[in-house]
Each structure stands twice: as structure tokens, then as C-alpha cells.
Amino acid sequence: MFFKICVLFMISNANGGEIKYDESPDTVSRMKELELKVMASNNNYLQLEEKLLAYVTMNAELLADLKIQRENSIKKDDEIDLLKKQLHDLQQRVVSLETSAQPPYKQPVDELDADFDVLKKADSSINCDAGDANSKRPSRFVLDQGEAVAFHAVVDANGEVRHHGINQNLVFETVLLNINGGYHSQHGLFIAPTAGLYIFSTSVLDAGSKPLIHADMVKNGAVLARAYGHGNSGFPEQGSVTVVTQLKAGDEVWVRISCCADGSITGLRYTSFTGALLMFM
């Protein structure tokens, strides 16, 4: 906006009051200076107006954020009040249950002590009876019915059984006796079902085509004894060995070939494996 300021000098004369304008160079220069000052003032005003508008906008945003925060705070306060009320209700319920719950029966301490004394006397009596019974057979040489452990298995194949490798288990596939299931015919393995003193025996007959045989009686991988057979002039020879050993429940006993590679044995029940529990230990 352009403002033009004119400085008027009104001169009234006696001949009718005529108005004259002073347009001297000095007056015009002063008018231009005033005009520039007015324009500068207008610019300052516009800048102040823009700043004021920005402040109002920012203030409105802050007020909106404060409103949201206050609403959230009110919600949290409501939630806290609700949780406090629920906690109070639970506490009241626990107190009510504690005061109302009563055990259906309370046995006096002296009665419990009396029952315990009766049980102790009964236990002592049982132990005495058991001691008397054990004194009749202290070493358990006599096995009760159902306690016996025994097996007998043979190689029943017709003729030679060939191609046995060194340290290969002999499998006595035909089981003629297996009380309490200690012998496992799939692998030729006896697994002790109970601890005790056992006796084992094996007999191995070599074959005419392979007249040399070495067999080991093995307990948990350790050799207990060996059987040896060496036929001559087409006549086979049978080697045998018997051992007595102490076993724990789970111990294993088996027979394996120790010589020679690609060996052969004779079936037809000439080759056998037997064992039995002698006594508990």
C-alpha cells in the first residue's frame, strides 16, 4: 500500500481564501522520508502478525496434546482404581475363606503317637519273624518258587555252520529251557535277571572242513575261560568249559569265537550253552 502525504500550507488571503500547496524541494524530500518510515512500519506489523499467528497455532497444538495427556491420565487413574478394588475384594475373599474353612477332623497328637508306637511294634515283630526264617537258611541255598534262573540252548542246524568271524558271538538258536527269561536267543546272550552265584557251561564241536576251533566264555567283555577243539584225520573234536561266577543284575555272559577266521562248527545239538543260578548273593 502506498501512502502519499502532502503537507499543505493553507494561506488565506483577503481576496477569497485561496489554498496554495507548498511543493518546494525540501518539503518533497521530507514527504518521501515519511513515506519510507510508514512502509517500514507496515512491514514490521506484518512480521509481528505472522509471528502472532504461529504462536497461536503452536499454542493450540500444545493445548490439544495436554488434553490428550489428561484424558490418558484419567483412564489410567480409573484402571488403577479398578485394580485396587479387585485386590481389595480378593483380600476380603481370602480372609473369609480362612475364617470359614475348618478341617473335618483333627486327630490329637497323643493318638498319633500311640498309632506310631503300634506300627513300630508291628515292624519289630515282622523283622523278628523274618530273622527266624532267614536263620533256617542263612545262605539262601534253597530258592523259592519263581526265583529260579536257568537256561539251556543248542545249535540245532543240520551239519556245519560256516563263516564265523573272530570275536563273533555264537548264537544258540534253539532254546530248550529258559526259566525267568535270562537267555536271549537272537544274540546268544544271557543277561542276569538277579544278582547271585551262577554256573555256566559250553561245548563246541569243530567241523571236518575246519578242524580247529577256539571259543571264549565272556562276562561283560572279559574272558572267563576258553574251550579248544582240533579234529584230526577227518574226525572232529569237541571242546568244552565250565565256570562259576558271581553276577550282578544286568551283567551279561556269552560265548564267542576267538579262532579262526571264517571258521565252522557242527550243529545237530553238539554245540550248546547252559547256565543256572546257584544262590542269591
Protein backbone atom coordinates (compact mmCIF):
# COMPACT_ATOMS: atom_id res chain seq x y z
CA MET A 1 0.00 0.00 0.00
CA PHE A 2 1.39 3.33 -0.98
CA PHE A 3 0.67 6.35 1.11
CA LYS A 4 1.31 9.80 -0.10
CA ILE A 5 1.41 12.57 2.42
CA CYS A 6 1.19 16.10 1.33
CA VAL A 7 1.96 18.92 3.61
CA LEU A 8 -0.47 21.60 2.89
CA PHE A 9 0.04 25.12 3.75
CA MET A 10 -3.15 26.89 3.68
CA ILE A 11 -2.79 30.54 3.05
CA SER A 12 -5.87 32.54 3.21
CA ASN A 13 -5.72 35.92 1.62
CA ALA A 14 -8.07 38.58 1.75
CA ASN A 15 -9.16 38.03 -1.82
CA GLY A 16 -11.38 34.96 -1.30
CA GLY A 17 -9.37 32.47 0.92
CA GLU A 18 -7.44 30.64 -1.83
CA ILE A 19 -5.47 27.46 -0.73
CA LYS A 20 -1.91 27.02 -2.01
CA TYR A 21 0.24 23.79 -1.88
CA ASP A 22 3.89 24.00 -0.87
CA GLU A 23 5.79 21.88 -3.35
CA SER A 24 9.24 23.09 -2.59
CA PRO A 25 12.16 20.56 -2.84
CA ASP A 26 12.64 20.49 0.88
CA THR A 27 9.02 19.68 1.50
CA VAL A 28 9.00 16.88 -1.12
CA SER A 29 12.09 15.30 0.45
CA ARG A 30 10.51 15.22 3.85
CA MET A 31 7.37 13.65 2.38
CA LYS A 32 9.43 10.80 0.87
CA GLU A 33 11.19 10.13 4.20
CA LEU A 34 7.85 9.91 5.96
CA GLU A 35 6.56 7.57 3.25
CA LEU A 36 9.55 5.18 3.76
CA LYS A 37 9.03 5.14 7.52
CA VAL A 38 5.36 4.27 7.06
CA MET A 39 6.29 1.37 4.74
CA ALA A 40 8.84 0.06 7.23
CA SER A 41 6.24 0.23 9.99
CA ASN A 42 3.79 -1.75 7.81
CA ASN A 43 6.44 -4.47 7.22
CA ASN A 44 7.13 -4.74 10.93
CA TYR A 45 3.45 -5.03 11.57
CA LEU A 46 3.11 -7.86 9.02
CA GLN A 47 6.02 -9.74 10.60
CA LEU A 48 4.53 -9.36 14.06
CA GLU A 49 1.20 -10.58 12.71
CA GLU A 50 2.84 -13.72 11.23
CA LYS A 51 4.68 -14.45 14.49
CA LEU A 52 1.47 -14.00 16.44
CA LEU A 53 -0.34 -16.42 14.13
CA ALA A 54 2.46 -19.01 14.52
CA TYR A 55 2.32 -18.64 18.29
CA VAL A 56 -1.47 -19.10 18.30
CA THR A 57 -1.12 -22.25 16.17
CA MET A 58 1.59 -23.70 18.42
CA ASN A 59 -0.42 -22.88 21.50
CA ALA A 60 -3.43 -24.69 20.04
CA GLU A 61 -1.30 -27.80 19.38
CA LEU A 62 0.08 -27.74 22.91
CA LEU A 63 -3.42 -27.42 24.32
CA ALA A 64 -4.54 -30.41 22.22
CA ASP A 65 -1.58 -32.53 23.49
CA LEU A 66 -2.31 -31.53 27.05
CA LYS A 67 -5.92 -32.53 26.60
CA ILE A 68 -4.94 -35.96 25.28
CA GLN A 69 -2.47 -36.48 28.13
CA ARG A 70 -5.07 -35.53 30.67
CA GLU A 71 -7.58 -37.95 29.15
CA ASN A 72 -4.99 -40.75 29.24
CA SER A 73 -4.13 -39.90 32.82
CA ILE A 74 -7.81 -40.08 33.75
CA LYS A 75 -8.07 -43.51 32.09
CA LYS A 76 -5.01 -44.79 33.96
CA ASP A 77 -6.39 -43.48 37.23
CA ASP A 78 -9.65 -45.31 36.53
CA GLU A 79 -7.74 -48.53 35.77
CA ILE A 80 -5.70 -48.19 38.97
CA ASP A 81 -8.84 -47.63 40.99
CA LEU A 82 -10.42 -50.73 39.41
CA LEU A 83 -7.34 -52.86 40.20
CA LYS A 84 -7.31 -51.60 43.76
CA LYS A 85 -10.95 -52.54 44.13
CA GLN A 86 -10.35 -56.02 42.70
CA LEU A 87 -7.38 -56.52 45.03
CA HIS A 88 -9.45 -55.44 48.00
CA ASP A 89 -12.22 -57.88 47.00
CA LEU A 90 -9.70 -60.72 46.72
CA GLN A 91 -8.24 -59.92 50.12
CA GLN A 92 -11.69 -59.93 51.65
CA ARG A 93 -12.44 -63.27 49.98
CA VAL A 94 -9.21 -64.83 51.30
CA VAL A 95 -9.98 -63.61 54.80
CA SER A 96 -13.48 -65.03 54.52
CA LEU A 97 -12.18 -68.41 53.36
CA GLU A 98 -9.57 -68.55 56.10
CA THR A 99 -12.12 -67.85 58.80
CA SER A 100 -14.83 -70.14 57.44
CA ALA A 101 -12.71 -73.15 56.40
CA GLN A 102 -12.36 -75.71 59.16
CA PRO A 103 -10.65 -79.14 58.86
CA PRO A 104 -13.16 -82.00 59.01
CA TYR A 105 -11.10 -83.85 61.58
CA LYS A 106 -8.20 -83.10 63.87
CA GLN A 107 -6.52 -86.08 65.46
CA PRO A 108 -4.91 -85.35 68.80
CA VAL A 109 -1.15 -85.59 68.92
CA ASP A 110 -1.19 -88.26 71.65
CA GLU A 111 -3.38 -90.50 69.48
CA LEU A 112 -0.91 -90.12 66.59
CA ASP A 113 1.95 -91.05 68.91
CA ALA A 114 0.05 -94.11 70.07
CA ASP A 115 -0.58 -95.24 66.49
CA PHE A 116 3.12 -94.74 65.70
CA ASP A 117 4.12 -96.94 68.67
CA VAL A 118 1.77 -99.69 67.47
CA LEU A 119 3.33 -99.55 64.00
CA LYS A 120 6.84 -99.73 65.45
CA LYS A 121 5.92 -102.82 67.49
CA ALA A 122 4.39 -104.47 64.44
CA ASP A 123 7.50 -103.72 62.39
CA SER A 124 9.75 -105.19 65.09
CA SER A 125 7.62 -108.31 65.18
CA ILE A 126 7.83 -108.69 61.41
CA ASN A 127 11.61 -108.28 61.48
CA CYS A 128 11.91 -110.93 64.19
CA ASP A 129 9.82 -113.36 62.16
CA ALA A 130 11.92 -112.65 59.12
CA GLY A 131 15.09 -113.20 61.13
CA ASP A 132 13.82 -116.57 62.31
CA ALA A 133 13.00 -117.57 58.77
CA ASN A 134 16.41 -116.48 57.50
CA SER A 135 18.16 -118.35 60.30
CA LYS A 136 16.78 -121.55 58.85
CA ARG A 137 18.59 -120.92 55.53
CA PRO A 138 21.12 -118.12 56.05
CA SER A 139 22.91 -118.57 52.72
CA ARG A 140 19.75 -118.85 50.59
CA PHE A 141 20.82 -122.18 49.09
CA VAL A 142 17.15 -123.06 48.67
CA LEU A 143 15.35 -120.93 46.06
CA ASP A 144 11.68 -120.12 46.45
CA GLN A 145 9.28 -120.96 43.69
CA GLY A 146 9.55 -118.35 40.95
CA GLU A 147 13.10 -117.35 41.93
CA ALA A 148 14.94 -119.99 39.88
CA VAL A 149 17.02 -118.88 36.88
CA ALA A 150 18.23 -121.45 34.35
CA PHE A 151 18.60 -121.95 30.59
CA HIS A 152 19.84 -124.45 28.04
CA ALA A 153 20.24 -123.67 24.33
CA VAL A 154 21.82 -125.51 21.41
CA VAL A 155 22.84 -125.06 17.77
CA ASP A 156 20.29 -127.29 16.04
CA ALA A 157 21.28 -126.68 12.41
CA ASN A 158 21.89 -129.77 10.31
CA GLY A 159 25.59 -130.22 9.54
CA GLU A 160 28.17 -127.44 9.51
CA VAL A 161 27.52 -123.83 10.43
CA ARG A 162 30.12 -121.90 8.49
CA HIS A 163 31.72 -118.47 8.12
CA HIS A 164 32.15 -117.46 11.74
CA GLY A 165 34.42 -114.46 12.24
CA ILE A 166 36.86 -113.80 15.05
CA ASN A 167 35.12 -112.38 18.19
CA GLN A 168 31.73 -113.21 16.69
CA ASN A 169 29.05 -114.35 19.15
CA LEU A 170 27.90 -117.94 18.85
CA VAL A 171 24.12 -117.93 18.56
CA PHE A 172 22.47 -120.96 20.12
CA GLU A 173 19.18 -120.51 18.34
CA THR A 174 17.19 -123.42 19.75
CA VAL A 175 16.15 -122.82 23.35
CA LEU A 176 15.24 -125.92 25.32
CA LEU A 177 14.97 -124.23 28.74
CA ASN A 178 14.74 -120.59 29.77
CA ILE A 179 13.37 -120.08 33.29
CA ASN A 180 12.81 -116.37 34.06
CA GLY A 181 13.90 -115.40 30.52
CA GLY A 182 17.57 -114.60 31.10
CA TYR A 183 18.78 -116.07 27.80
CA HIS A 184 18.21 -114.11 24.53
CA SER A 185 18.44 -116.38 21.51
CA GLN A 186 18.60 -113.54 18.95
CA HIS A 187 22.15 -112.69 20.06
CA GLY A 188 23.24 -115.76 22.05
CA LEU A 189 23.35 -113.54 25.14
CA PHE A 190 22.50 -114.27 28.79
CA ILE A 191 21.51 -111.23 30.92
CA ALA A 192 21.28 -111.88 34.66
CA PRO A 193 17.78 -111.02 35.92
CA THR A 194 19.01 -111.04 39.54
CA ALA A 195 22.28 -110.92 41.46
CA GLY A 196 23.81 -114.19 42.62
CA LEU A 197 26.29 -117.00 42.06
CA TYR A 198 25.89 -118.66 38.63
CA ILE A 199 27.31 -121.66 36.81
CA PHE A 200 27.81 -121.73 33.01
CA SER A 201 28.96 -124.42 30.62
CA THR A 202 29.55 -124.56 26.89
CA SER A 203 30.51 -127.30 24.42
CA VAL A 204 31.62 -126.60 20.85
CA LEU A 205 32.24 -129.26 18.18
CA ASP A 206 34.50 -128.26 15.30
CA ALA A 207 33.72 -129.19 11.70
CA GLY A 208 35.57 -131.57 9.41
CA SER A 209 36.28 -128.87 6.82
CA LYS A 210 37.61 -126.50 9.52
CA PRO A 211 39.05 -128.79 12.22
CA LEU A 212 40.31 -126.04 14.56
CA ILE A 213 38.13 -124.08 16.96
CA HIS A 214 38.75 -121.72 19.93
CA ALA A 215 35.75 -120.48 21.93
CA ASP A 216 35.72 -117.96 24.82
CA MET A 217 33.27 -117.76 27.72
CA VAL A 218 32.89 -113.99 28.18
CA LYS A 219 31.45 -111.90 31.04
CA ASN A 220 30.82 -108.21 30.27
CA GLY A 221 33.58 -108.33 27.64
CA ALA A 222 36.17 -110.09 29.86
CA VAL A 223 37.18 -113.71 29.12
CA LEU A 224 36.32 -116.15 31.95
CA ALA A 225 37.57 -119.34 30.29
CA ARG A 226 38.31 -120.92 26.89
CA ALA A 227 37.33 -124.13 25.08
CA TYR A 228 39.54 -125.72 22.42
CA GLY A 229 38.89 -128.35 19.73
CA HIS A 230 41.17 -129.62 16.96
CA GLY A 231 39.97 -132.50 14.83
CA ASN A 232 42.34 -134.96 13.10
CA SER A 233 42.12 -137.23 10.06
CA GLY A 234 38.59 -136.14 9.30
CA PHE A 235 37.34 -136.71 12.83
CA PRO A 236 36.01 -133.60 14.62
CA GLU A 237 36.82 -132.74 18.21
CA GLN A 238 34.60 -131.20 20.85
CA GLY A 239 35.93 -128.60 23.29
CA SER A 240 34.07 -127.65 26.46
CA VAL A 241 34.48 -125.50 29.57
CA THR A 242 32.51 -124.83 32.77
CA VAL A 243 32.76 -121.76 35.02
CA VAL A 244 31.22 -120.47 38.24
CA THR A 245 30.99 -116.68 38.56
CA GLN A 246 29.23 -114.01 40.56
CA LEU A 247 26.88 -111.70 38.61
CA LYS A 248 25.02 -108.53 39.38
CA ALA A 249 21.59 -107.92 37.90
CA GLY A 250 22.12 -106.84 34.30
CA ASP A 251 25.53 -108.48 33.85
CA GLU A 252 25.99 -110.31 30.52
CA VAL A 253 27.57 -113.66 29.65
CA TRP A 254 28.06 -115.11 26.14
CA VAL A 255 30.25 -117.43 24.02
CA ARG A 256 32.32 -116.12 21.11
CA ILE A 257 34.74 -117.49 18.53
CA SER A 258 38.36 -116.40 19.12
CA CYS A 259 39.95 -118.54 16.37
CA CYS A 260 39.97 -118.96 13.50
CA ALA A 261 38.74 -116.56 10.83
CA ASP A 262 35.95 -117.94 8.60
CA GLY A 263 35.62 -120.89 10.99
CA SER A 264 32.95 -123.59 11.10
CA ILE A 265 31.19 -125.53 13.86
CA THR A 266 28.91 -128.54 13.89
CA GLY A 267 25.24 -128.24 14.78
CA LEU A 268 22.91 -131.14 15.46
CA ARG A 269 22.96 -130.15 19.17
CA TYR A 270 26.67 -130.98 19.57
CA THR A 271 27.25 -127.30 20.30
CA SER A 272 25.44 -126.00 23.41
CA PHE A 273 25.32 -123.27 26.07
CA THR A 274 23.92 -123.81 29.59
CA GLY A 275 23.64 -121.76 32.75
CA ALA A 276 21.84 -121.61 36.11
CA LEU A 277 21.58 -119.55 39.30
CA LEU A 278 23.11 -121.41 42.25
CA MET A 279 22.31 -118.99 45.07
CA PHE A 280 21.43 -115.39 45.82
CA MET A 281 24.14 -113.04 46.99
